[in-house]
């Protein structure tokens, strides 16, 4: 089951499909960021490639 990289909370497979980065990591779950900006937060927390 996927987890948030920030707080280690479990997230659903569906959530991970939508918000994970290209490597499958979920950088922010709903508890870690506002729902309206979760994609932006995930991009900000993603390591530079």
N, C-alpha and C. Protein backbone atom coordinates (compact mmCIF):
# COMPACT_ATOMS: atom_id res chain seq x y z
N UNK A 1 0.85 -1.18 0.00
CA UNK A 1 0.00 0.00 0.00
C UNK A 1 0.90 1.24 0.00
N UNK A 2 0.61 2.20 -0.87
CA UNK A 2 1.45 3.40 -0.94
C UNK A 2 1.34 4.26 0.31
N UNK A 3 2.41 4.99 0.59
CA UNK A 3 2.43 5.88 1.75
C UNK A 3 2.94 7.26 1.35
N UNK A 4 2.61 8.24 2.17
CA UNK A 4 3.07 9.62 1.99
C UNK A 4 4.55 9.68 2.42
N UNK A 5 5.38 10.25 1.57
CA UNK A 5 6.81 10.38 1.91
C UNK A 5 7.04 11.37 3.03
N UNK A 6 6.11 12.28 3.22
CA UNK A 6 6.28 13.32 4.24
C UNK A 6 5.94 12.82 5.65
N UNK A 7 4.78 12.13 5.80
CA UNK A 7 4.34 11.72 7.13
C UNK A 7 4.17 10.21 7.29
N UNK A 8 4.39 9.45 6.23
CA UNK A 8 4.28 7.99 6.23
C UNK A 8 2.86 7.46 6.38
N UNK A 9 1.86 8.31 6.21
CA UNK A 9 0.47 7.86 6.27
C UNK A 9 0.14 7.05 5.02
N UNK A 10 -0.72 6.05 5.19
CA UNK A 10 -1.15 5.26 4.04
C UNK A 10 -2.10 6.08 3.18
N UNK A 11 -1.96 5.94 1.87
CA UNK A 11 -2.88 6.56 0.92
C UNK A 11 -3.41 5.46 0.01
N UNK A 12 -4.56 5.70 -0.58
CA UNK A 12 -5.17 4.69 -1.45
C UNK A 12 -4.39 4.55 -2.75
N UNK A 13 -4.56 3.41 -3.40
CA UNK A 13 -3.94 3.20 -4.70
C UNK A 13 -4.43 4.23 -5.70
N UNK A 14 -5.70 4.57 -5.63
CA UNK A 14 -6.27 5.56 -6.54
C UNK A 14 -5.62 6.93 -6.31
N UNK A 15 -5.44 7.32 -5.05
CA UNK A 15 -4.77 8.59 -4.73
C UNK A 15 -3.36 8.58 -5.30
N UNK A 16 -2.64 7.48 -5.12
CA UNK A 16 -1.27 7.39 -5.61
C UNK A 16 -1.23 7.47 -7.14
N UNK A 17 -2.18 6.86 -7.83
CA UNK A 17 -2.22 6.93 -9.29
C UNK A 17 -2.36 8.38 -9.77
N UNK A 18 -3.12 9.17 -9.03
CA UNK A 18 -3.37 10.55 -9.44
C UNK A 18 -2.25 11.49 -9.01
N UNK A 19 -1.74 11.37 -7.79
CA UNK A 19 -0.84 12.37 -7.23
C UNK A 19 0.62 11.96 -7.10
N UNK A 20 0.95 10.72 -7.36
CA UNK A 20 2.36 10.29 -7.25
C UNK A 20 3.17 10.88 -8.40
N UNK A 21 4.48 11.00 -8.16
CA UNK A 21 5.34 11.48 -9.23
C UNK A 21 5.63 10.33 -10.20
N UNK A 22 6.50 10.58 -11.18
CA UNK A 22 6.77 9.57 -12.20
C UNK A 22 7.44 8.32 -11.64
N UNK A 23 8.00 8.39 -10.44
CA UNK A 23 8.62 7.21 -9.82
C UNK A 23 7.67 6.49 -8.88
N UNK A 24 6.44 7.03 -8.72
CA UNK A 24 5.46 6.40 -7.85
C UNK A 24 5.46 6.89 -6.42
N UNK A 25 6.27 7.90 -6.10
CA UNK A 25 6.32 8.41 -4.74
C UNK A 25 5.24 9.46 -4.53
N UNK A 26 4.58 9.37 -3.37
CA UNK A 26 3.57 10.35 -2.98
C UNK A 26 4.24 11.30 -2.00
N UNK A 27 4.45 12.54 -2.41
CA UNK A 27 5.20 13.49 -1.59
C UNK A 27 4.33 14.22 -0.58
N UNK A 28 3.01 14.23 -0.77
CA UNK A 28 2.11 14.91 0.16
C UNK A 28 0.74 14.25 0.11
N UNK A 29 0.23 13.85 1.27
CA UNK A 29 -1.09 13.26 1.37
C UNK A 29 -2.10 14.36 1.73
N UNK A 30 -3.38 14.05 1.76
CA UNK A 30 -4.36 15.09 2.11
C UNK A 30 -4.12 15.71 3.49
N UNK A 31 -3.54 14.96 4.41
CA UNK A 31 -3.26 15.51 5.74
C UNK A 31 -2.08 16.47 5.74
N UNK A 32 -1.20 16.35 4.76
CA UNK A 32 0.00 17.18 4.71
C UNK A 32 -0.19 18.48 3.94
N UNK A 33 -1.22 18.55 3.14
CA UNK A 33 -1.41 19.76 2.35
C UNK A 33 -2.88 19.97 2.05
N UNK A 34 -3.22 21.17 1.65
CA UNK A 34 -4.61 21.47 1.29
C UNK A 34 -4.97 20.72 0.02
N UNK A 35 -6.17 20.19 -0.05
CA UNK A 35 -6.60 19.43 -1.23
C UNK A 35 -6.49 20.25 -2.51
N UNK A 36 -6.75 21.53 -2.44
CA UNK A 36 -6.71 22.37 -3.63
C UNK A 36 -5.30 22.48 -4.21
N UNK A 37 -4.27 22.36 -3.38
CA UNK A 37 -2.91 22.56 -3.86
C UNK A 37 -2.03 21.34 -3.76
N UNK A 38 -2.59 20.16 -3.62
CA UNK A 38 -1.77 18.98 -3.36
C UNK A 38 -0.82 18.66 -4.50
N UNK A 39 -1.23 18.86 -5.74
CA UNK A 39 -0.34 18.57 -6.86
C UNK A 39 0.85 19.51 -6.86
N UNK A 40 0.61 20.78 -6.55
CA UNK A 40 1.71 21.74 -6.51
C UNK A 40 2.69 21.42 -5.38
N UNK A 41 2.17 21.02 -4.24
CA UNK A 41 3.03 20.66 -3.11
C UNK A 41 3.85 19.43 -3.46
N UNK A 42 3.25 18.46 -4.11
CA UNK A 42 3.97 17.26 -4.50
C UNK A 42 5.13 17.61 -5.44
N UNK A 43 4.90 18.51 -6.38
CA UNK A 43 5.96 18.93 -7.29
C UNK A 43 7.06 19.68 -6.56
N UNK A 44 6.70 20.52 -5.59
CA UNK A 44 7.69 21.28 -4.84
C UNK A 44 8.56 20.37 -3.98
N UNK A 45 7.98 19.33 -3.44
CA UNK A 45 8.73 18.44 -2.55
C UNK A 45 9.52 17.37 -3.31
N UNK A 46 9.25 17.21 -4.59
CA UNK A 46 9.95 16.22 -5.38
C UNK A 46 11.41 16.62 -5.52
N UNK A 47 12.32 15.66 -5.38
CA UNK A 47 13.73 15.99 -5.55
C UNK A 47 14.03 16.38 -6.99
N UNK A 48 15.00 17.25 -7.15
CA UNK A 48 15.40 17.67 -8.48
C UNK A 48 16.02 16.49 -9.21
N UNK A 49 15.63 16.32 -10.46
CA UNK A 49 16.17 15.19 -11.24
C UNK A 49 17.28 15.64 -12.14
